[in-house]
Amino acid sequence: MAVTDEPALRADDLHYAYGDRVAVDGVSLSVSRGEILGLLGPNGAGKSTTIKMLIGLLPPAAGRIEVLGMPMPQQRMQIQARIGVVFEEKNLYPNLSGRENLAFFARLFGLADVDLDALLERVGLGTRGRDRVSGYSKGMRQRLTVARALVNRPDVLFLDEPTDGLDPVSARSIRALIRAEAERGVAVLLTTHDMYEADALSDRVAFINEGRILALDAPERLKLTHGQRSVRVRRQVGDTVEETVVALDGEELRALIGRDGLLTIHTEEATLEDVFVDFAGRGLE
């Protein structure tokens, strides 16, 4: 499904503080149906606090939130019936099976016709659905958490560090699920400190640091606008290989190409990490 112009989620000038520590300081963003917005920043930047306000777990000290045309928190119950949430911390019931976990949450939503087996199959747990969650690996628990967030077929999906610490196979599986939901028309807000995760999934990314949005745009535009294109040149100099990184458009590149012993030339673009450091003066970790 193509991204629509009408936002399914809108936040304007959100503020929140824990005592004297300001966690969110004027955050504004929107997410359209079919769009994946990555909220990218280091630990403690305000990502999780922002998510908690958007889903109704924390009341904003100031600002306005609208989800699916309804104000939050005034219509919190109606909104929460139509959203899905994946928390960084797994809040599953380990003594229940995977299928029983999903059935319990389906009952909380008042749903009696959810095809739990199909949902388990979709996240790669079709053969393990009747096993206790206590015997699941970390990756399996994360996939079950994603399945649980999809029980009510949500219109907006909030994902807090959905692949943090997972093996590459599990992470790839979860990314595929996220893309499939966006294709279905779901508005997805993804929070992460992982630059690769944001770049691989997001239609747009918002850089957040110390509770403030520093930039918000498509990853490619951010990298082209604020990053520096470069070339890595390797030359044979005597018995050693000399490697030099120079700007793609500079005079130094032409000088290097004209020298003897040229082995390889590789172009390199800026990463989201590079761009974030340029804005925030610090890395994402």
C-alpha atoms as a PDB file:
ATOM      1  CA  MET A   1       0.000   0.000   0.000  1.00  0.00           C
ATOM      2  CA  ALA A   2       1.274   3.472  -0.841  1.00  0.00           C
ATOM      3  CA  VAL A   3       1.941   5.933   1.962  1.00  0.00           C
ATOM      4  CA  THR A   4      -1.033   8.272   2.405  1.00  0.00           C
ATOM      5  CA  ASP A   5      -0.855  11.991   3.122  1.00  0.00           C
ATOM      6  CA  GLU A   6      -3.263  11.843   6.064  1.00  0.00           C
ATOM      7  CA  PRO A   7      -1.366  10.985   9.262  1.00  0.00           C
ATOM      8  CA  ALA A   8      -2.614   8.105  11.388  1.00  0.00           C
ATOM      9  CA  LEU A   9      -0.495   9.447  14.248  1.00  0.00           C
ATOM     10  CA  ARG A  10       0.355  13.037  15.081  1.00  0.00           C
ATOM     11  CA  ALA A  11       2.218  14.511  18.038  1.00  0.00           C
ATOM     12  CA  ASP A  12       2.708  18.235  18.526  1.00  0.00           C
ATOM     13  CA  ASP A  13       5.164  19.835  20.974  1.00  0.00           C
ATOM     14  CA  LEU A  14       5.282  16.989  23.533  1.00  0.00           C
ATOM     15  CA  HIS A  15       7.009  17.567  26.869  1.00  0.00           C
ATOM     16  CA  TYR A  16       7.764  15.230  29.769  1.00  0.00           C
ATOM     17  CA  ALA A  17      10.158  15.280  32.742  1.00  0.00           C
ATOM     18  CA  TYR A  18      11.145  12.865  35.490  1.00  0.00           C
ATOM     19  CA  GLY A  19      11.519  15.249  38.383  1.00  0.00           C
ATOM     20  CA  ASP A  20      14.141  17.790  37.367  1.00  0.00           C
ATOM     21  CA  ARG A  21      15.363  15.715  34.399  1.00  0.00           C
ATOM     22  CA  VAL A  22      13.742  16.700  31.101  1.00  0.00           C
ATOM     23  CA  ALA A  23      13.183  13.565  29.000  1.00  0.00           C
ATOM     24  CA  VAL A  24      11.116  14.958  26.120  1.00  0.00           C
ATOM     25  CA  ASP A  25      11.431  18.610  25.159  1.00  0.00           C
ATOM     26  CA  GLY A  26       9.058  19.722  22.404  1.00  0.00           C
ATOM     27  CA  VAL A  27       8.849  16.584  20.227  1.00  0.00           C
ATOM     28  CA  SER A  28       6.621  16.872  17.136  1.00  0.00           C
ATOM     29  CA  LEU A  29       6.171  14.127  14.531  1.00  0.00           C
ATOM     30  CA  SER A  30       3.589  12.382  12.376  1.00  0.00           C
ATOM     31  CA  VAL A  31       3.248   8.943  10.773  1.00  0.00           C
ATOM     32  CA  SER A  32       0.995   8.200   7.807  1.00  0.00           C
ATOM     33  CA  ARG A  33      -0.759   4.931   6.973  1.00  0.00           C
ATOM     34  CA  GLY A  34       1.659   2.618   5.201  1.00  0.00           C
ATOM     35  CA  GLU A  35       4.692   4.533   6.470  1.00  0.00           C
ATOM     36  CA  ILE A  36       7.532   3.390   8.725  1.00  0.00           C
ATOM     37  CA  LEU A  37       9.046   6.230  10.739  1.00  0.00           C
ATOM     38  CA  GLY A  38      12.264   5.460  12.583  1.00  0.00           C
ATOM     39  CA  LEU A  39      12.924   7.398  15.780  1.00  0.00           C
ATOM     40  CA  LEU A  40      16.688   7.201  15.978  1.00  0.00           C
ATOM     41  CA  GLY A  41      18.796   8.168  18.963  1.00  0.00           C
ATOM     42  CA  PRO A  42      21.140   6.916  21.695  1.00  0.00           C
ATOM     43  CA  ASN A  43      19.980   5.323  24.937  1.00  0.00           C
ATOM     44  CA  GLY A  44      18.380   7.957  27.156  1.00  0.00           C
ATOM     45  CA  ALA A  45      17.542  10.284  24.258  1.00  0.00           C
ATOM     46  CA  GLY A  46      13.792  10.248  24.963  1.00  0.00           C
ATOM     47  CA  LYS A  47      12.617   7.544  22.549  1.00  0.00           C
ATOM     48  CA  SER A  48      10.873   5.244  25.018  1.00  0.00           C
ATOM     49  CA  THR A  49       9.293   8.123  26.956  1.00  0.00           C
ATOM     50  CA  THR A  50       7.873   9.477  23.704  1.00  0.00           C
ATOM     51  CA  ILE A  51       6.393   6.060  22.858  1.00  0.00           C
ATOM     52  CA  LYS A  52       4.844   5.753  26.326  1.00  0.00           C
ATOM     53  CA  MET A  53       3.071   9.074  25.888  1.00  0.00           C
ATOM     54  CA  LEU A  54       1.842   8.128  22.417  1.00  0.00           C
ATOM     55  CA  ILE A  55       0.302   4.853  23.616  1.00  0.00           C
ATOM     56  CA  GLY A  56      -1.245   6.322  26.758  1.00  0.00           C
ATOM     57  CA  LEU A  57       1.061   4.984  29.473  1.00  0.00           C
ATOM     58  CA  LEU A  58       2.329   8.459  30.389  1.00  0.00           C
ATOM     59  CA  PRO A  59       0.331  11.708  30.252  1.00  0.00           C
ATOM     60  CA  PRO A  60       2.307  14.446  28.491  1.00  0.00           C
ATOM     61  CA  ALA A  61       3.106  17.460  30.636  1.00  0.00           C
ATOM     62  CA  ALA A  62       2.318  19.561  27.577  1.00  0.00           C
ATOM     63  CA  GLY A  63       1.515  19.020  23.931  1.00  0.00           C
ATOM     64  CA  ARG A  64      -1.116  17.276  21.837  1.00  0.00           C
ATOM     65  CA  ILE A  65      -1.441  13.681  20.581  1.00  0.00           C
ATOM     66  CA  GLU A  66      -3.904  12.391  18.006  1.00  0.00           C
ATOM     67  CA  VAL A  67      -4.124   8.732  16.958  1.00  0.00           C
ATOM     68  CA  LEU A  68      -6.499   7.641  14.173  1.00  0.00           C
ATOM     69  CA  GLY A  69      -8.316  10.935  14.494  1.00  0.00           C
ATOM     70  CA  MET A  70      -8.840  10.534  18.256  1.00  0.00           C
ATOM     71  CA  PRO A  71      -7.162  12.556  21.025  1.00  0.00           C
ATOM     72  CA  MET A  72      -4.856  10.789  23.471  1.00  0.00           C
ATOM     73  CA  PRO A  73      -5.365  10.334  26.404  1.00  0.00           C
ATOM     74  CA  GLN A  74      -8.998  11.469  26.256  1.00  0.00           C
ATOM     75  CA  GLN A  75      -9.976   8.465  24.103  1.00  0.00           C
ATOM     76  CA  ARG A  76      -7.273   6.111  25.329  1.00  0.00           C
ATOM     77  CA  MET A  77      -9.442   2.972  25.499  1.00  0.00           C
ATOM     78  CA  GLN A  78     -10.711   3.380  21.931  1.00  0.00           C
ATOM     79  CA  ILE A  79      -7.189   4.048  20.658  1.00  0.00           C
ATOM     80  CA  GLN A  80      -5.575   1.155  22.513  1.00  0.00           C
ATOM     81  CA  ALA A  81      -8.085  -1.253  20.940  1.00  0.00           C
ATOM     82  CA  ARG A  82      -6.656  -0.336  17.523  1.00  0.00           C
ATOM     83  CA  ILE A  83      -2.908  -0.207  18.169  1.00  0.00           C
ATOM     84  CA  GLY A  84      -0.208  -2.832  18.641  1.00  0.00           C
ATOM     85  CA  VAL A  85       2.869  -2.400  20.823  1.00  0.00           C
ATOM     86  CA  VAL A  86       6.174  -4.267  21.033  1.00  0.00           C
ATOM     87  CA  PHE A  87       8.103  -3.253  24.130  1.00  0.00           C
ATOM     88  CA  GLU A  88      11.868  -3.681  24.456  1.00  0.00           C
ATOM     89  CA  GLU A  89      11.275  -5.714  27.609  1.00  0.00           C
ATOM     90  CA  LYS A  90       9.382  -8.949  26.955  1.00  0.00           C
ATOM     91  CA  ASN A  91       6.219  -9.083  29.085  1.00  0.00           C
ATOM     92  CA  LEU A  92       5.104 -12.630  28.268  1.00  0.00           C
ATOM     93  CA  TYR A  93       3.780 -15.342  30.590  1.00  0.00           C
ATOM     94  CA  PRO A  94       6.540 -17.977  30.677  1.00  0.00           C
ATOM     95  CA  ASN A  95       4.427 -20.773  32.192  1.00  0.00           C
ATOM     96  CA  LEU A  96       1.881 -20.533  29.383  1.00  0.00           C
ATOM     97  CA  SER A  97       2.454 -21.811  25.873  1.00  0.00           C
ATOM     98  CA  GLY A  98       2.957 -19.423  23.006  1.00  0.00           C
ATOM     99  CA  ARG A  99      -0.566 -20.144  21.802  1.00  0.00           C
ATOM    100  CA  GLU A 100      -2.023 -19.584  25.283  1.00  0.00           C
ATOM    101  CA  ASN A 101      -0.230 -16.222  25.505  1.00  0.00           C
ATOM    102  CA  LEU A 102      -1.856 -15.117  22.261  1.00  0.00           C
ATOM    103  CA  ALA A 103      -5.256 -16.476  23.314  1.00  0.00           C
ATOM    104  CA  PHE A 104      -5.082 -14.550  26.591  1.00  0.00           C
ATOM    105  CA  PHE A 105      -4.368 -11.256  24.839  1.00  0.00           C
ATOM    106  CA  ALA A 106      -7.073 -11.943  22.262  1.00  0.00           C
ATOM    107  CA  ARG A 107      -9.554 -12.276  25.125  1.00  0.00           C
ATOM    108  CA  LEU A 108      -8.371  -8.954  26.576  1.00  0.00           C
ATOM    109  CA  PHE A 109      -9.360  -7.360  23.275  1.00  0.00           C
ATOM    110  CA  GLY A 110     -12.679  -9.214  23.319  1.00  0.00           C
ATOM    111  CA  LEU A 111     -11.733 -11.145  20.178  1.00  0.00           C
ATOM    112  CA  ALA A 112     -12.983 -14.705  19.716  1.00  0.00           C
ATOM    113  CA  ASP A 113     -12.231 -15.316  16.049  1.00  0.00           C
ATOM    114  CA  VAL A 114      -8.452 -14.808  15.859  1.00  0.00           C
ATOM    115  CA  ASP A 115      -6.645 -17.538  13.905  1.00  0.00           C
ATOM    116  CA  LEU A 116      -3.894 -18.083  16.452  1.00  0.00           C
ATOM    117  CA  ASP A 117      -2.271 -20.934  14.552  1.00  0.00           C
ATOM    118  CA  ALA A 118      -1.967 -18.799  11.412  1.00  0.00           C
ATOM    119  CA  LEU A 119      -0.448 -15.993  13.482  1.00  0.00           C
ATOM    120  CA  LEU A 120       2.086 -18.361  15.035  1.00  0.00           C
ATOM    121  CA  GLU A 121       2.915 -19.724  11.581  1.00  0.00           C
ATOM    122  CA  ARG A 122       3.451 -16.214  10.331  1.00  0.00           C
ATOM    123  CA  VAL A 123       6.170 -15.530  12.911  1.00  0.00           C
ATOM    124  CA  GLY A 124       7.839 -18.896  12.407  1.00  0.00           C
ATOM    125  CA  LEU A 125       6.481 -20.532  15.562  1.00  0.00           C
ATOM    126  CA  GLY A 126       3.966 -22.884  13.959  1.00  0.00           C
ATOM    127  CA  THR A 127       5.624 -26.014  15.345  1.00  0.00           C
ATOM    128  CA  ARG A 128       6.358 -24.523  18.785  1.00  0.00           C
ATOM    129  CA  GLY A 129       3.048 -22.827  19.584  1.00  0.00           C
ATOM    130  CA  ARG A 130       2.032 -25.401  22.190  1.00  0.00           C
ATOM    131  CA  ASP A 131       5.400 -25.303  23.986  1.00  0.00           C
ATOM    132  CA  ARG A 132       5.848 -23.261  27.138  1.00  0.00           C
ATOM    133  CA  VAL A 133       7.393 -19.854  26.596  1.00  0.00           C
ATOM    134  CA  SER A 134       9.910 -20.632  29.362  1.00  0.00           C
ATOM    135  CA  GLY A 135      11.599 -22.945  26.848  1.00  0.00           C
ATOM    136  CA  TYR A 136      11.752 -20.337  24.080  1.00  0.00           C
ATOM    137  CA  SER A 137      14.992 -18.694  22.974  1.00  0.00           C
ATOM    138  CA  LYS A 138      15.308 -14.897  23.047  1.00  0.00           C
ATOM    139  CA  GLY A 139      14.568 -14.711  19.337  1.00  0.00           C
ATOM    140  CA  MET A 140      11.472 -16.889  19.673  1.00  0.00           C
ATOM    141  CA  ARG A 141      10.156 -14.735  22.515  1.00  0.00           C
ATOM    142  CA  GLN A 142      10.666 -11.630  20.436  1.00  0.00           C
ATOM    143  CA  ARG A 143       8.772 -13.156  17.515  1.00  0.00           C
ATOM    144  CA  LEU A 144       5.952 -14.148  19.869  1.00  0.00           C
ATOM    145  CA  THR A 145       5.875 -10.576  21.207  1.00  0.00           C
ATOM    146  CA  VAL A 146       5.473  -9.316  17.643  1.00  0.00           C
ATOM    147  CA  ALA A 147       2.693 -11.864  17.019  1.00  0.00           C
ATOM    148  CA  ARG A 148       0.938 -10.707  20.182  1.00  0.00           C
ATOM    149  CA  ALA A 149       1.061  -7.095  18.963  1.00  0.00           C
ATOM    150  CA  LEU A 150      -0.736  -8.228  15.800  1.00  0.00           C
ATOM    151  CA  VAL A 151      -3.549 -10.136  17.552  1.00  0.00           C
ATOM    152  CA  ASN A 152      -6.019  -7.264  17.134  1.00  0.00           C
ATOM    153  CA  ARG A 153      -4.915  -6.481  13.551  1.00  0.00           C
ATOM    154  CA  PRO A 154      -3.797  -2.970  14.549  1.00  0.00           C
ATOM    155  CA  ASP A 155      -3.934   0.187  12.460  1.00  0.00           C
ATOM    156  CA  VAL A 156      -0.893   1.688  14.206  1.00  0.00           C
ATOM    157  CA  LEU A 157       2.114  -0.315  15.370  1.00  0.00           C
ATOM    158  CA  PHE A 158       4.636   0.929  17.952  1.00  0.00           C
ATOM    159  CA  LEU A 159       7.958  -0.924  18.074  1.00  0.00           C
ATOM    160  CA  ASP A 160      10.517  -0.193  20.794  1.00  0.00           C
ATOM    161  CA  GLU A 161      13.924  -1.684  19.840  1.00  0.00           C
ATOM    162  CA  PRO A 162      12.256  -4.669  18.084  1.00  0.00           C
ATOM    163  CA  THR A 163      15.476  -6.483  17.112  1.00  0.00           C
ATOM    164  CA  ASP A 164      17.821  -5.373  19.891  1.00  0.00           C
ATOM    165  CA  GLY A 165      20.329  -8.121  20.662  1.00  0.00           C
ATOM    166  CA  LEU A 166      18.795 -10.677  18.304  1.00  0.00           C
ATOM    167  CA  ASP A 167      20.692 -12.982  15.980  1.00  0.00           C
ATOM    168  CA  PRO A 168      20.708 -12.015  12.271  1.00  0.00           C
ATOM    169  CA  VAL A 169      18.138 -14.649  11.265  1.00  0.00           C
ATOM    170  CA  SER A 170      15.601 -13.585  13.915  1.00  0.00           C
ATOM    171  CA  ALA A 171      16.207  -9.897  13.147  1.00  0.00           C
ATOM    172  CA  ARG A 172      15.648 -10.470   9.431  1.00  0.00           C
ATOM    173  CA  SER A 173      12.398 -12.308  10.148  1.00  0.00           C
ATOM    174  CA  ILE A 174      11.066  -9.467  12.307  1.00  0.00           C
ATOM    175  CA  ARG A 175      12.022  -6.838   9.730  1.00  0.00           C
ATOM    176  CA  ALA A 176      10.085  -8.760   7.078  1.00  0.00           C
ATOM    177  CA  LEU A 177       7.020  -8.772   9.347  1.00  0.00           C
ATOM    178  CA  ILE A 178       7.285  -5.032   9.911  1.00  0.00           C
ATOM    179  CA  ARG A 179       7.476  -4.349   6.175  1.00  0.00           C
ATOM    180  CA  ALA A 180       4.471  -6.617   5.567  1.00  0.00           C
ATOM    181  CA  GLU A 181       2.404  -4.671   8.095  1.00  0.00           C
ATOM    182  CA  ALA A 182       3.316  -1.367   6.441  1.00  0.00           C
ATOM    183  CA  GLU A 183       2.289  -2.846   3.091  1.00  0.00           C
ATOM    184  CA  ARG A 184      -1.076  -3.655   4.682  1.00  0.00           C
ATOM    185  CA  GLY A 185      -1.480   0.055   5.441  1.00  0.00           C
ATOM    186  CA  VAL A 186      -0.387   0.098   9.064  1.00  0.00           C
ATOM    187  CA  ALA A 187       1.374   3.219  10.355  1.00  0.00           C
ATOM    188  CA  VAL A 188       4.595   2.049  12.045  1.00  0.00           C
ATOM    189  CA  LEU A 189       6.674   4.005  14.558  1.00  0.00           C
ATOM    190  CA  LEU A 190       9.987   2.284  15.204  1.00  0.00           C
ATOM    191  CA  THR A 191      12.346   3.442  17.951  1.00  0.00           C
ATOM    192  CA  THR A 192      15.942   2.281  17.850  1.00  0.00           C
ATOM    193  CA  HIS A 193      19.533   3.286  18.506  1.00  0.00           C
ATOM    194  CA  ASP A 194      20.613   0.936  15.690  1.00  0.00           C
ATOM    195  CA  MET A 195      21.565   2.934  12.591  1.00  0.00           C
ATOM    196  CA  TYR A 196      21.368  -0.094  10.299  1.00  0.00           C
ATOM    197  CA  GLU A 197      17.903  -0.991  11.580  1.00  0.00           C
ATOM    198  CA  ALA A 198      16.571   2.500  10.879  1.00  0.00           C
ATOM    199  CA  ASP A 199      18.187   2.707   7.446  1.00  0.00           C
ATOM    200  CA  ALA A 200      16.944  -0.728   6.382  1.00  0.00           C
ATOM    201  CA  LEU A 201      13.324  -0.221   7.446  1.00  0.00           C
ATOM    202  CA  SER A 202      12.373   3.433   7.565  1.00  0.00           C
ATOM    203  CA  ASP A 203      10.686   5.604   4.955  1.00  0.00           C
ATOM    204  CA  ARG A 204      11.710   8.559   7.120  1.00  0.00           C
ATOM    205  CA  VAL A 205      13.872   8.885  10.207  1.00  0.00           C
ATOM    206  CA  ALA A 206      13.755  11.388  13.042  1.00  0.00           C
ATOM    207  CA  PHE A 207      16.965  12.042  14.986  1.00  0.00           C
ATOM    208  CA  ILE A 208      16.284  12.586  18.676  1.00  0.00           C
ATOM    209  CA  ASN A 209      18.854  13.641  21.255  1.00  0.00           C
ATOM    210  CA  GLU A 210      18.353  15.008  24.786  1.00  0.00           C
ATOM    211  CA  GLY A 211      14.603  14.943  24.227  1.00  0.00           C
ATOM    212  CA  ARG A 212      14.590  17.045  21.053  1.00  0.00           C
ATOM    213  CA  ILE A 213      14.091  16.183  17.372  1.00  0.00           C
ATOM    214  CA  LEU A 214      17.215  17.361  15.539  1.00  0.00           C
ATOM    215  CA  ALA A 215      16.233  16.366  11.981  1.00  0.00           C
ATOM    216  CA  LEU A 216      13.428  14.485  10.228  1.00  0.00           C
ATOM    217  CA  ASP A 217      13.620  13.314   6.608  1.00  0.00           C
ATOM    218  CA  ALA A 218      14.110  10.306   4.332  1.00  0.00           C
ATOM    219  CA  PRO A 219      17.354   8.456   5.193  1.00  0.00           C
ATOM    220  CA  GLU A 220      18.771   8.926   1.692  1.00  0.00           C
ATOM    221  CA  ARG A 221      18.138  12.679   1.684  1.00  0.00           C
ATOM    222  CA  LEU A 222      19.718  13.070   5.109  1.00  0.00           C
ATOM    223  CA  LYS A 223      22.825  11.206   4.003  1.00  0.00           C
ATOM    224  CA  LEU A 224      23.151  13.106   0.733  1.00  0.00           C
ATOM    225  CA  THR A 225      22.387  16.519   2.242  1.00  0.00           C
ATOM    226  CA  HIS A 226      24.400  16.335   5.437  1.00  0.00           C
ATOM    227  CA  GLY A 227      26.957  13.604   4.774  1.00  0.00           C
ATOM    228  CA  GLN A 228      30.131  13.669   2.738  1.00  0.00           C
ATOM    229  CA  ARG A 229      30.610  11.359  -0.228  1.00  0.00           C
ATOM    230  CA  SER A 230      34.067   9.839  -0.226  1.00  0.00           C
ATOM    231  CA  VAL A 231      36.288   7.385  -2.065  1.00  0.00           C
ATOM    232  CA  ARG A 232      38.592   4.786  -0.543  1.00  0.00           C
ATOM    233  CA  VAL A 233      41.684   4.354  -2.733  1.00  0.00           C
ATOM    234  CA  ARG A 234      44.204   1.535  -2.282  1.00  0.00           C
ATOM    235  CA  ARG A 235      47.666   1.705  -3.901  1.00  0.00           C
ATOM    236  CA  GLN A 236      50.677  -0.559  -3.959  1.00  0.00           C
ATOM    237  CA  VAL A 237      53.657   1.387  -2.645  1.00  0.00           C
ATOM    238  CA  GLY A 238      56.718  -0.820  -2.641  1.00  0.00           C
ATOM    239  CA  ASP A 239      55.969  -3.861  -0.497  1.00  0.00           C
ATOM    240  CA  THR A 240      53.010  -2.300   1.290  1.00  0.00           C
ATOM    241  CA  VAL A 241      49.454  -1.335   0.409  1.00  0.00           C
ATOM    242  CA  GLU A 242      48.563   2.270   1.144  1.00  0.00           C
ATOM    243  CA  GLU A 243      44.897   3.168   1.751  1.00  0.00           C
ATOM    244  CA  THR A 244      43.563   6.714   1.543  1.00  0.00           C
ATOM    245  CA  VAL A 245      40.042   8.123   1.995  1.00  0.00           C
ATOM    246  CA  VAL A 246      39.357  11.354   0.112  1.00  0.00           C
ATOM    247  CA  ALA A 247      36.316  13.437  -0.843  1.00  0.00           C
ATOM    248  CA  LEU A 248      34.604  12.219  -4.013  1.00  0.00           C
ATOM    249  CA  ASP A 249      34.608  15.676  -5.633  1.00  0.00           C
ATOM    250  CA  GLY A 250      38.035  16.878  -4.545  1.00  0.00           C
ATOM    251  CA  GLU A 251      41.266  17.529  -6.411  1.00  0.00           C
ATOM    252  CA  GLU A 252      43.023  14.990  -4.206  1.00  0.00           C
ATOM    253  CA  LEU A 253      41.108  12.122  -5.837  1.00  0.00           C
ATOM    254  CA  ARG A 254      42.284  13.049  -9.325  1.00  0.00           C
ATOM    255  CA  ALA A 255      45.850  13.262  -8.065  1.00  0.00           C
ATOM    256  CA  LEU A 256      45.648   9.817  -6.456  1.00  0.00           C
ATOM    257  CA  ILE A 257      44.180   8.184  -9.555  1.00  0.00           C
ATOM    258  CA  GLY A 258      47.059   9.505 -11.626  1.00  0.00           C
ATOM    259  CA  ARG A 259      49.718   7.817  -9.469  1.00  0.00           C
ATOM    260  CA  ASP A 260      51.298   4.442 -10.126  1.00  0.00           C
ATOM    261  CA  GLY A 261      50.313   1.318  -8.213  1.00  0.00           C
ATOM    262  CA  LEU A 262      46.538   1.881  -8.187  1.00  0.00           C
ATOM    263  CA  LEU A 263      44.807  -1.280  -6.916  1.00  0.00           C
ATOM    264  CA  THR A 264      41.160  -0.500  -6.109  1.00  0.00           C
ATOM    265  CA  ILE A 265      38.720   2.415  -5.785  1.00  0.00           C
ATOM    266  CA  HIS A 266      35.524   2.146  -3.701  1.00  0.00           C
ATOM    267  CA  THR A 267      32.956   4.917  -3.295  1.00  0.00           C
ATOM    268  CA  GLU A 268      31.459   5.391   0.154  1.00  0.00           C
ATOM    269  CA  GLU A 269      28.406   7.380   1.293  1.00  0.00           C
ATOM    270  CA  ALA A 270      27.791   8.818   4.713  1.00  0.00           C
ATOM    271  CA  THR A 271      25.910   6.616   7.167  1.00  0.00           C
ATOM    272  CA  LEU A 272      23.045   7.710   9.387  1.00  0.00           C
ATOM    273  CA  GLU A 273      25.521   7.389  12.247  1.00  0.00           C
ATOM    274  CA  ASP A 274      27.770   9.975  10.550  1.00  0.00           C
ATOM    275  CA  VAL A 275      24.863  12.345  10.013  1.00  0.00           C
ATOM    276  CA  PHE A 276      23.635  11.939  13.590  1.00  0.00           C
ATOM    277  CA  VAL A 277      27.087  12.725  14.974  1.00  0.00           C
ATOM    278  CA  ASP A 278      27.156  15.830  12.771  1.00  0.00           C
ATOM    279  CA  PHE A 279      23.864  16.995  14.311  1.00  0.00           C
ATOM    280  CA  ALA A 280      24.303  15.839  17.912  1.00  0.00           C
ATOM    281  CA  GLY A 281      28.052  15.800  18.439  1.00  0.00           C
ATOM    282  CA  ARG A 282      27.832  12.252  19.829  1.00  0.00           C
ATOM    283  CA  GLY A 283      27.358   8.703  18.600  1.00  0.00           C
ATOM    284  CA  LEU A 284      24.248   6.561  18.768  1.00  0.00           C
ATOM    285  CA  GLU A 285      25.571   4.019  21.282  1.00  0.00           C
END
